[in-house]
mmCIF file of all heavy atoms, coordinates in Angstrom:
data_MODEL
# 
_entry.id   MODEL 
# 
loop_
_atom_site.group_PDB 
_atom_site.id 
_atom_site.type_symbol 
_atom_site.label_atom_id 
_atom_site.label_alt_id 
_atom_site.label_comp_id 
_atom_site.label_asym_id 
_atom_site.label_entity_id 
_atom_site.label_seq_id 
_atom_site.pdbx_PDB_ins_code 
_atom_site.Cartn_x 
_atom_site.Cartn_y 
_atom_site.Cartn_z 
_atom_site.occupancy 
_atom_site.B_iso_or_equiv 
_atom_site.pdbx_formal_charge 
_atom_site.auth_seq_id 
_atom_site.auth_comp_id 
_atom_site.auth_asym_id 
_atom_site.auth_atom_id 
_atom_site.pdbx_PDB_model_num 
ATOM 1   N N   . THR A 1 1  ? 0.851  -1.185  0.000  1.00 0.00 ? 1  THR A N   1 
ATOM 2   C CA  . THR A 1 1  ? 0.000  0.000   0.000  1.00 0.00 ? 1  THR A CA  1 
ATOM 3   C C   . THR A 1 1  ? 0.890  1.239   0.000  1.00 0.00 ? 1  THR A C   1 
ATOM 4   O O   . THR A 1 1  ? 1.918  1.279   0.677  1.00 0.00 ? 1  THR A O   1 
ATOM 5   C CB  . THR A 1 1  ? -0.927 0.042   1.234  1.00 0.00 ? 1  THR A CB  1 
ATOM 6   O OG1 . THR A 1 1  ? -0.144 -0.135  2.426  1.00 0.00 ? 1  THR A OG1 1 
ATOM 7   C CG2 . THR A 1 1  ? -1.977 -1.039  1.153  1.00 0.00 ? 1  THR A CG2 1 
ATOM 8   N N   . ALA A 1 2  ? 0.497  2.234   -0.771 1.00 0.00 ? 2  ALA A N   1 
ATOM 9   C CA  . ALA A 1 2  ? 1.225  3.500   -0.845 1.00 0.00 ? 2  ALA A CA  1 
ATOM 10  C C   . ALA A 1 2  ? 0.296  4.606   -0.359 1.00 0.00 ? 2  ALA A C   1 
ATOM 11  O O   . ALA A 1 2  ? -0.790 4.795   -0.924 1.00 0.00 ? 2  ALA A O   1 
ATOM 12  C CB  . ALA A 1 2  ? 1.688  3.768   -2.270 1.00 0.00 ? 2  ALA A CB  1 
ATOM 13  N N   . THR A 1 3  ? 0.720  5.321   0.691  1.00 0.00 ? 3  THR A N   1 
ATOM 14  C CA  . THR A 1 3  ? -0.154 6.296   1.346  1.00 0.00 ? 3  THR A CA  1 
ATOM 15  C C   . THR A 1 3  ? 0.612  7.564   1.680  1.00 0.00 ? 3  THR A C   1 
ATOM 16  O O   . THR A 1 3  ? 1.833  7.619   1.553  1.00 0.00 ? 3  THR A O   1 
ATOM 17  C CB  . THR A 1 3  ? -0.727 5.725   2.658  1.00 0.00 ? 3  THR A CB  1 
ATOM 18  O OG1 . THR A 1 3  ? 0.326  5.672   3.647  1.00 0.00 ? 3  THR A OG1 1 
ATOM 19  C CG2 . THR A 1 3  ? -1.284 4.323   2.458  1.00 0.00 ? 3  THR A CG2 1 
ATOM 20  N N   . ASP A 1 4  ? -0.137 8.583   2.133  1.00 0.00 ? 4  ASP A N   1 
ATOM 21  C CA  . ASP A 1 4  ? 0.533  9.743   2.717  1.00 0.00 ? 4  ASP A CA  1 
ATOM 22  C C   . ASP A 1 4  ? 0.873  9.400   4.167  1.00 0.00 ? 4  ASP A C   1 
ATOM 23  O O   . ASP A 1 4  ? 0.622  8.283   4.629  1.00 0.00 ? 4  ASP A O   1 
ATOM 24  C CB  . ASP A 1 4  ? -0.339 10.999  2.613  1.00 0.00 ? 4  ASP A CB  1 
ATOM 25  C CG  . ASP A 1 4  ? -1.690 10.845  3.296  1.00 0.00 ? 4  ASP A CG  1 
ATOM 26  O OD1 . ASP A 1 4  ? -1.825 9.928   4.139  1.00 0.00 ? 4  ASP A OD1 1 
ATOM 27  O OD2 . ASP A 1 4  ? -2.617 11.616  3.001  1.00 0.00 ? 4  ASP A OD2 1 
ATOM 28  N N   . ASN A 1 5  ? 1.476  10.353  4.891  1.00 0.00 ? 5  ASN A N   1 
ATOM 29  C CA  . ASN A 1 5  ? 1.915  10.027  6.261  1.00 0.00 ? 5  ASN A CA  1 
ATOM 30  C C   . ASN A 1 5  ? 0.885  10.442  7.316  1.00 0.00 ? 5  ASN A C   1 
ATOM 31  O O   . ASN A 1 5  ? 1.217  11.025  8.347  1.00 0.00 ? 5  ASN A O   1 
ATOM 32  C CB  . ASN A 1 5  ? 3.280  10.663  6.566  1.00 0.00 ? 5  ASN A CB  1 
ATOM 33  C CG  . ASN A 1 5  ? 3.284  12.166  6.341  1.00 0.00 ? 5  ASN A CG  1 
ATOM 34  O OD1 . ASN A 1 5  ? 2.286  12.733  5.909  1.00 0.00 ? 5  ASN A OD1 1 
ATOM 35  N ND2 . ASN A 1 5  ? 4.403  12.811  6.627  1.00 0.00 ? 5  ASN A ND2 1 
ATOM 36  N N   . LEU A 1 6  ? -0.368 10.089  7.070  1.00 0.00 ? 6  LEU A N   1 
ATOM 37  C CA  . LEU A 1 6  ? -1.435 10.350  8.028  1.00 0.00 ? 6  LEU A CA  1 
ATOM 38  C C   . LEU A 1 6  ? -1.221 9.504   9.272  1.00 0.00 ? 6  LEU A C   1 
ATOM 39  O O   . LEU A 1 6  ? -0.930 8.310   9.187  1.00 0.00 ? 6  LEU A O   1 
ATOM 40  C CB  . LEU A 1 6  ? -2.778 10.004  7.379  1.00 0.00 ? 6  LEU A CB  1 
ATOM 41  C CG  . LEU A 1 6  ? -4.049 10.326  8.165  1.00 0.00 ? 6  LEU A CG  1 
ATOM 42  C CD1 . LEU A 1 6  ? -4.257 11.826  8.255  1.00 0.00 ? 6  LEU A CD1 1 
ATOM 43  C CD2 . LEU A 1 6  ? -5.257 9.676   7.480  1.00 0.00 ? 6  LEU A CD2 1 
ATOM 44  N N   . ASN A 1 7  ? -1.351 10.124  10.440 1.00 0.00 ? 7  ASN A N   1 
ATOM 45  C CA  . ASN A 1 7  ? -1.129 9.407   11.695 1.00 0.00 ? 7  ASN A CA  1 
ATOM 46  C C   . ASN A 1 7  ? -2.045 8.189   11.818 1.00 0.00 ? 7  ASN A C   1 
ATOM 47  O O   . ASN A 1 7  ? -3.251 8.287   11.611 1.00 0.00 ? 7  ASN A O   1 
ATOM 48  C CB  . ASN A 1 7  ? -1.377 10.338  12.896 1.00 0.00 ? 7  ASN A CB  1 
ATOM 49  C CG  . ASN A 1 7  ? -0.267 11.347  13.078 1.00 0.00 ? 7  ASN A CG  1 
ATOM 50  O OD1 . ASN A 1 7  ? 0.861  11.125  12.626 1.00 0.00 ? 7  ASN A OD1 1 
ATOM 51  N ND2 . ASN A 1 7  ? -0.560 12.465  13.736 1.00 0.00 ? 7  ASN A ND2 1 
ATOM 52  N N   . GLY A 1 8  ? -1.460 7.050   12.140 1.00 0.00 ? 8  GLY A N   1 
ATOM 53  C CA  . GLY A 1 8  ? -2.241 5.847   12.382 1.00 0.00 ? 8  GLY A CA  1 
ATOM 54  C C   . GLY A 1 8  ? -2.644 5.080   11.149 1.00 0.00 ? 8  GLY A C   1 
ATOM 55  O O   . GLY A 1 8  ? -3.285 4.022   11.247 1.00 0.00 ? 8  GLY A O   1 
ATOM 56  N N   . PHE A 1 9  ? -2.260 5.584   9.961  1.00 0.00 ? 9  PHE A N   1 
ATOM 57  C CA  . PHE A 1 9  ? -2.700 4.951   8.712  1.00 0.00 ? 9  PHE A CA  1 
ATOM 58  C C   . PHE A 1 9  ? -2.128 3.535   8.582  1.00 0.00 ? 9  PHE A C   1 
ATOM 59  O O   . PHE A 1 9  ? -2.835 2.589   8.226  1.00 0.00 ? 9  PHE A O   1 
ATOM 60  C CB  . PHE A 1 9  ? -2.271 5.809   7.523  1.00 0.00 ? 9  PHE A CB  1 
ATOM 61  C CG  . PHE A 1 9  ? -3.143 5.642   6.300  1.00 0.00 ? 9  PHE A CG  1 
ATOM 62  C CD1 . PHE A 1 9  ? -3.140 6.594   5.287  1.00 0.00 ? 9  PHE A CD1 1 
ATOM 63  C CD2 . PHE A 1 9  ? -3.983 4.540   6.154  1.00 0.00 ? 9  PHE A CD2 1 
ATOM 64  C CE1 . PHE A 1 9  ? -3.936 6.446   4.163  1.00 0.00 ? 9  PHE A CE1 1 
ATOM 65  C CE2 . PHE A 1 9  ? -4.789 4.387   5.033  1.00 0.00 ? 9  PHE A CE2 1 
ATOM 66  C CZ  . PHE A 1 9  ? -4.756 5.341   4.042  1.00 0.00 ? 9  PHE A CZ  1 
ATOM 67  N N   . THR A 1 10 ? -0.855 3.382   8.871  1.00 0.00 ? 10 THR A N   1 
ATOM 68  C CA  . THR A 1 10 ? -0.212 2.067   8.730  1.00 0.00 ? 10 THR A CA  1 
ATOM 69  C C   . THR A 1 10 ? -0.872 1.027   9.627  1.00 0.00 ? 10 THR A C   1 
ATOM 70  O O   . THR A 1 10 ? -1.147 -0.109  9.198  1.00 0.00 ? 10 THR A O   1 
ATOM 71  C CB  . THR A 1 10 ? 1.289  2.169   9.059  1.00 0.00 ? 10 THR A CB  1 
ATOM 72  O OG1 . THR A 1 10 ? 1.899  3.117   8.171  1.00 0.00 ? 10 THR A OG1 1 
ATOM 73  C CG2 . THR A 1 10 ? 1.971  0.819   8.885  1.00 0.00 ? 10 THR A CG2 1 
ATOM 74  N N   . ASP A 1 11 ? -1.143 1.403   10.877 1.00 0.00 ? 11 ASP A N   1 
ATOM 75  C CA  . ASP A 1 11 ? -1.792 0.467   11.805 1.00 0.00 ? 11 ASP A CA  1 
ATOM 76  C C   . ASP A 1 11 ? -3.192 0.099   11.322 1.00 0.00 ? 11 ASP A C   1 
ATOM 77  O O   . ASP A 1 11 ? -3.632 -1.052  11.475 1.00 0.00 ? 11 ASP A O   1 
ATOM 78  C CB  . ASP A 1 11 ? -1.877 1.091   13.199 1.00 0.00 ? 11 ASP A CB  1 
ATOM 79  C CG  . ASP A 1 11 ? -0.505 1.245   13.847 1.00 0.00 ? 11 ASP A CG  1 
ATOM 80  O OD1 . ASP A 1 11 ? 0.412  0.501   13.443 1.00 0.00 ? 11 ASP A OD1 1 
ATOM 81  O OD2 . ASP A 1 11 ? -0.355 2.098   14.732 1.00 0.00 ? 11 ASP A OD2 1 
ATOM 82  N N   . THR A 1 12 ? -3.890 1.076   10.744 1.00 0.00 ? 12 THR A N   1 
ATOM 83  C CA  . THR A 1 12 ? -5.229 0.816   10.205 1.00 0.00 ? 12 THR A CA  1 
ATOM 84  C C   . THR A 1 12 ? -5.171 -0.222  9.088  1.00 0.00 ? 12 THR A C   1 
ATOM 85  O O   . THR A 1 12 ? -5.985 -1.154  9.035  1.00 0.00 ? 12 THR A O   1 
ATOM 86  C CB  . THR A 1 12 ? -5.852 2.125   9.678  1.00 0.00 ? 12 THR A CB  1 
ATOM 87  O OG1 . THR A 1 12 ? -5.983 3.055   10.760 1.00 0.00 ? 12 THR A OG1 1 
ATOM 88  C CG2 . THR A 1 12 ? -7.215 1.870   9.056  1.00 0.00 ? 12 THR A CG2 1 
ATOM 89  N N   . ILE A 1 13 ? -4.210 -0.059  8.187  1.00 0.00 ? 13 ILE A N   1 
ATOM 90  C CA  . ILE A 1 13 ? -4.057 -1.016  7.078  1.00 0.00 ? 13 ILE A CA  1 
ATOM 91  C C   . ILE A 1 13 ? -3.747 -2.411  7.614  1.00 0.00 ? 13 ILE A C   1 
ATOM 92  O O   . ILE A 1 13 ? -4.316 -3.408  7.158  1.00 0.00 ? 13 ILE A O   1 
ATOM 93  C CB  . ILE A 1 13 ? -2.953 -0.533  6.114  1.00 0.00 ? 13 ILE A CB  1 
ATOM 94  C CG1 . ILE A 1 13 ? -3.372 0.775   5.440  1.00 0.00 ? 13 ILE A CG1 1 
ATOM 95  C CG2 . ILE A 1 13 ? -2.653 -1.607  5.054  1.00 0.00 ? 13 ILE A CG2 1 
ATOM 96  C CD1 . ILE A 1 13 ? -2.260 1.484   4.697  1.00 0.00 ? 13 ILE A CD1 1 
ATOM 97  N N   . LYS A 1 14 ? -2.865 -2.476  8.599  1.00 0.00 ? 14 LYS A N   1 
ATOM 98  C CA  . LYS A 1 14 ? -2.474 -3.772  9.177  1.00 0.00 ? 14 LYS A CA  1 
ATOM 99  C C   . LYS A 1 14 ? -3.663 -4.486  9.822  1.00 0.00 ? 14 LYS A C   1 
ATOM 100 O O   . LYS A 1 14 ? -3.730 -5.716  9.850  1.00 0.00 ? 14 LYS A O   1 
ATOM 101 C CB  . LYS A 1 14 ? -1.368 -3.574  10.220 1.00 0.00 ? 14 LYS A CB  1 
ATOM 102 C CG  . LYS A 1 14 ? -0.011 -3.210  9.648  1.00 0.00 ? 14 LYS A CG  1 
ATOM 103 C CD  . LYS A 1 14 ? 0.630  -4.387  8.939  1.00 0.00 ? 14 LYS A CD  1 
ATOM 104 C CE  . LYS A 1 14 ? 2.036  -4.071  8.483  1.00 0.00 ? 14 LYS A CE  1 
ATOM 105 N NZ  . LYS A 1 14 ? 2.607  -5.188  7.674  1.00 0.00 ? 14 LYS A NZ  1 
ATOM 106 N N   . THR A 1 15 ? -4.596 -3.720  10.344 1.00 0.00 ? 15 THR A N   1 
ATOM 107 C CA  . THR A 1 15 ? -5.769 -4.309  10.988 1.00 0.00 ? 15 THR A CA  1 
ATOM 108 C C   . THR A 1 15 ? -6.623 -5.086  9.988  1.00 0.00 ? 15 THR A C   1 
ATOM 109 O O   . THR A 1 15 ? -7.149 -6.157  10.295 1.00 0.00 ? 15 THR A O   1 
ATOM 110 C CB  . THR A 1 15 ? -6.620 -3.198  11.647 1.00 0.00 ? 15 THR A CB  1 
ATOM 111 O OG1 . THR A 1 15 ? -5.829 -2.501  12.604 1.00 0.00 ? 15 THR A OG1 1 
ATOM 112 C CG2 . THR A 1 15 ? -7.841 -3.784  12.338 1.00 0.00 ? 15 THR A CG2 1 
ATOM 113 N N   . VAL A 1 16 ? -6.756 -4.552  8.764  1.00 0.00 ? 16 VAL A N   1 
ATOM 114 C CA  . VAL A 1 16 ? -7.622 -5.170  7.751  1.00 0.00 ? 16 VAL A CA  1 
ATOM 115 C C   . VAL A 1 16 ? -6.828 -6.111  6.841  1.00 0.00 ? 16 VAL A C   1 
ATOM 116 O O   . VAL A 1 16 ? -7.299 -7.200  6.503  1.00 0.00 ? 16 VAL A O   1 
ATOM 117 C CB  . VAL A 1 16 ? -8.333 -4.088  6.912  1.00 0.00 ? 16 VAL A CB  1 
ATOM 118 C CG1 . VAL A 1 16 ? -9.311 -4.731  5.928  1.00 0.00 ? 16 VAL A CG1 1 
ATOM 119 C CG2 . VAL A 1 16 ? -9.070 -3.100  7.808  1.00 0.00 ? 16 VAL A CG2 1 
ATOM 120 N N   . PHE A 1 17 ? -5.625 -5.688  6.452  1.00 0.00 ? 17 PHE A N   1 
ATOM 121 C CA  . PHE A 1 17 ? -4.761 -6.509  5.589  1.00 0.00 ? 17 PHE A CA  1 
ATOM 122 C C   . PHE A 1 17 ? -3.406 -6.693  6.291  1.00 0.00 ? 17 PHE A C   1 
ATOM 123 O O   . PHE A 1 17 ? -2.446 -5.968  6.004  1.00 0.00 ? 17 PHE A O   1 
ATOM 124 C CB  . PHE A 1 17 ? -4.580 -5.846  4.221  1.00 0.00 ? 17 PHE A CB  1 
ATOM 125 C CG  . PHE A 1 17 ? -5.852 -5.749  3.416  1.00 0.00 ? 17 PHE A CG  1 
ATOM 126 C CD1 . PHE A 1 17 ? -6.563 -4.553  3.363  1.00 0.00 ? 17 PHE A CD1 1 
ATOM 127 C CD2 . PHE A 1 17 ? -6.340 -6.845  2.728  1.00 0.00 ? 17 PHE A CD2 1 
ATOM 128 C CE1 . PHE A 1 17 ? -7.739 -4.463  2.624  1.00 0.00 ? 17 PHE A CE1 1 
ATOM 129 C CE2 . PHE A 1 17 ? -7.517 -6.767  1.991  1.00 0.00 ? 17 PHE A CE2 1 
ATOM 130 C CZ  . PHE A 1 17 ? -8.220 -5.571  1.937  1.00 0.00 ? 17 PHE A CZ  1 
ATOM 131 N N   . PRO A 1 18 ? -3.338 -7.636  7.221  1.00 0.00 ? 18 PRO A N   1 
ATOM 132 C CA  . PRO A 1 18 ? -2.155 -7.768  8.081  1.00 0.00 ? 18 PRO A CA  1 
ATOM 133 C C   . PRO A 1 18 ? -0.858 -8.096  7.349  1.00 0.00 ? 18 PRO A C   1 
ATOM 134 O O   . PRO A 1 18 ? 0.225  -7.806  7.861  1.00 0.00 ? 18 PRO A O   1 
ATOM 135 C CB  . PRO A 1 18 ? -2.545 -8.899  9.036  1.00 0.00 ? 18 PRO A CB  1 
ATOM 136 C CG  . PRO A 1 18 ? -3.660 -9.632  8.368  1.00 0.00 ? 18 PRO A CG  1 
ATOM 137 C CD  . PRO A 1 18 ? -4.380 -8.626  7.557  1.00 0.00 ? 18 PRO A CD  1 
ATOM 138 N N   . ASN A 1 19 ? -0.932 -8.678  6.164  1.00 0.00 ? 19 ASN A N   1 
ATOM 139 C CA  . ASN A 1 19 ? 0.283  -9.056  5.439  1.00 0.00 ? 19 ASN A CA  1 
ATOM 140 C C   . ASN A 1 19 ? 0.778  -7.977  4.480  1.00 0.00 ? 19 ASN A C   1 
ATOM 141 O O   . ASN A 1 19 ? 1.792  -8.161  3.806  1.00 0.00 ? 19 ASN A O   1 
ATOM 142 C CB  . ASN A 1 19 ? 0.043  -10.355 4.658  1.00 0.00 ? 19 ASN A CB  1 
ATOM 143 C CG  . ASN A 1 19 ? -0.227 -11.533 5.580  1.00 0.00 ? 19 ASN A CG  1 
ATOM 144 O OD1 . ASN A 1 19 ? 0.386  -11.645 6.637  1.00 0.00 ? 19 ASN A OD1 1 
ATOM 145 N ND2 . ASN A 1 19 ? -1.158 -12.396 5.204  1.00 0.00 ? 19 ASN A ND2 1 
ATOM 146 N N   . SER A 1 20 ? 0.058  -6.868  4.407  1.00 0.00 ? 20 SER A N   1 
ATOM 147 C CA  . SER A 1 20 ? 0.440  -5.798  3.492  1.00 0.00 ? 20 SER A CA  1 
ATOM 148 C C   . SER A 1 20 ? 1.590  -4.977  4.076  1.00 0.00 ? 20 SER A C   1 
ATOM 149 O O   . SER A 1 20 ? 1.647  -4.732  5.286  1.00 0.00 ? 20 SER A O   1 
ATOM 150 C CB  . SER A 1 20 ? -0.758 -4.885  3.227  1.00 0.00 ? 20 SER A CB  1 
ATOM 151 O OG  . SER A 1 20 ? -0.421 -3.848  2.342  1.00 0.00 ? 20 SER A OG  1 
ATOM 152 N N   . VAL A 1 21 ? 2.515  -4.562  3.209  1.00 0.00 ? 21 VAL A N   1 
ATOM 153 C CA  . VAL A 1 21 ? 3.572  -3.633  3.636  1.00 0.00 ? 21 VAL A CA  1 
ATOM 154 C C   . VAL A 1 21 ? 3.200  -2.249  3.134  1.00 0.00 ? 21 VAL A C   1 
ATOM 155 O O   . VAL A 1 21 ? 2.682  -2.093  2.029  1.00 0.00 ? 21 VAL A O   1 
ATOM 156 C CB  . VAL A 1 21 ? 4.961  -4.050  3.108  1.00 0.00 ? 21 VAL A CB  1 
ATOM 157 C CG1 . VAL A 1 21 ? 5.421  -5.326  3.764  1.00 0.00 ? 21 VAL A CG1 1 
ATOM 158 C CG2 . VAL A 1 21 ? 4.968  -4.186  1.599  1.00 0.00 ? 21 VAL A CG2 1 
ATOM 159 N N   . THR A 1 22 ? 3.461  -1.233  3.970  1.00 0.00 ? 22 THR A N   1 
ATOM 160 C CA  . THR A 1 22 ? 3.025  0.126   3.653  1.00 0.00 ? 22 THR A CA  1 
ATOM 161 C C   . THR A 1 22 ? 4.216  1.036   3.397  1.00 0.00 ? 22 THR A C   1 
ATOM 162 O O   . THR A 1 22 ? 5.133  1.119   4.219  1.00 0.00 ? 22 THR A O   1 
ATOM 163 C CB  . THR A 1 22 ? 2.176  0.712   4.800  1.00 0.00 ? 22 THR A CB  1 
ATOM 164 O OG1 . THR A 1 22 ? 1.016  -0.106  4.983  1.00 0.00 ? 22 THR A OG1 1 
ATOM 165 C CG2 . THR A 1 22 ? 1.739  2.132   4.482  1.00 0.00 ? 22 THR A CG2 1 
ATOM 166 N N   . GLN A 1 23 ? 4.177  1.703   2.253  1.00 0.00 ? 23 GLN A N   1 
ATOM 167 C CA  . GLN A 1 23 ? 5.175  2.706   1.894  1.00 0.00 ? 23 GLN A CA  1 
ATOM 168 C C   . GLN A 1 23 ? 4.548  4.088   2.047  1.00 0.00 ? 23 GLN A C   1 
ATOM 169 O O   . GLN A 1 23 ? 3.567  4.408   1.380  1.00 0.00 ? 23 GLN A O   1 
ATOM 170 C CB  . GLN A 1 23 ? 5.647  2.506   0.458  1.00 0.00 ? 23 GLN A CB  1 
ATOM 171 C CG  . GLN A 1 23 ? 6.472  3.659   -0.112 1.00 0.00 ? 23 GLN A CG  1 
ATOM 172 C CD  . GLN A 1 23 ? 7.814  3.810   0.577  1.00 0.00 ? 23 GLN A CD  1 
ATOM 173 O OE1 . GLN A 1 23 ? 8.559  2.838   0.712  1.00 0.00 ? 23 GLN A OE1 1 
ATOM 174 N NE2 . GLN A 1 23 ? 8.135  5.014   1.023  1.00 0.00 ? 23 GLN A NE2 1 
ATOM 175 N N   . ILE A 1 24 ? 5.101  4.897   2.949  1.00 0.00 ? 24 ILE A N   1 
ATOM 176 C CA  . ILE A 1 24 ? 4.657  6.283   3.073  1.00 0.00 ? 24 ILE A CA  1 
ATOM 177 C C   . ILE A 1 24 ? 5.248  7.081   1.918  1.00 0.00 ? 24 ILE A C   1 
ATOM 178 O O   . ILE A 1 24 ? 6.423  6.928   1.566  1.00 0.00 ? 24 ILE A O   1 
ATOM 179 C CB  . ILE A 1 24 ? 5.094  6.885   4.426  1.00 0.00 ? 24 ILE A CB  1 
ATOM 180 C CG1 . ILE A 1 24 ? 4.275  6.262   5.567  1.00 0.00 ? 24 ILE A CG1 1 
ATOM 181 C CG2 . ILE A 1 24 ? 4.919  8.399   4.432  1.00 0.00 ? 24 ILE A CG2 1 
ATOM 182 C CD1 . ILE A 1 24 ? 4.658  6.771   6.937  1.00 0.00 ? 24 ILE A CD1 1 
ATOM 183 N N   . CYS A 1 25 ? 4.446  7.941   1.335  1.00 0.00 ? 25 CYS A N   1 
ATOM 184 C CA  . CYS A 1 25 ? 4.860  8.741   0.181  1.00 0.00 ? 25 CYS A CA  1 
ATOM 185 C C   . CYS A 1 25 ? 6.036  9.645   0.541  1.00 0.00 ? 25 CYS A C   1 
ATOM 186 O O   . CYS A 1 25 ? 5.929  10.501  1.430  1.00 0.00 ? 25 CYS A O   1 
ATOM 187 C CB  . CYS A 1 25 ? 3.691  9.574   -0.325 1.00 0.00 ? 25 CYS A CB  1 
ATOM 188 S SG  . CYS A 1 25 ? 4.107  10.670  -1.686 1.00 0.00 ? 25 CYS A SG  1 
ATOM 189 N N   . VAL A 1 26 ? 7.158  9.471   -0.136 1.00 0.00 ? 26 VAL A N   1 
ATOM 190 C CA  . VAL A 1 26 ? 8.357  10.261  0.130  1.00 0.00 ? 26 VAL A CA  1 
ATOM 191 C C   . VAL A 1 26 ? 8.132  11.723  -0.254 1.00 0.00 ? 26 VAL A C   1 
ATOM 192 O O   . VAL A 1 26 ? 8.625  12.630  0.417  1.00 0.00 ? 26 VAL A O   1 
ATOM 193 C CB  . VAL A 1 26 ? 9.566  9.668   -0.632 1.00 0.00 ? 26 VAL A CB  1 
ATOM 194 C CG1 . VAL A 1 26 ? 10.785 10.586  -0.512 1.00 0.00 ? 26 VAL A CG1 1 
ATOM 195 C CG2 . VAL A 1 26 ? 9.896  8.274   -0.112 1.00 0.00 ? 26 VAL A CG2 1 
# 
């Protein structure tokens, strides 16, 4: 998943798709 750096976004993704890796937009 590619996202902005919104607080808590990575944890939210992990809750629904636990095997997904998250890249914050550089």
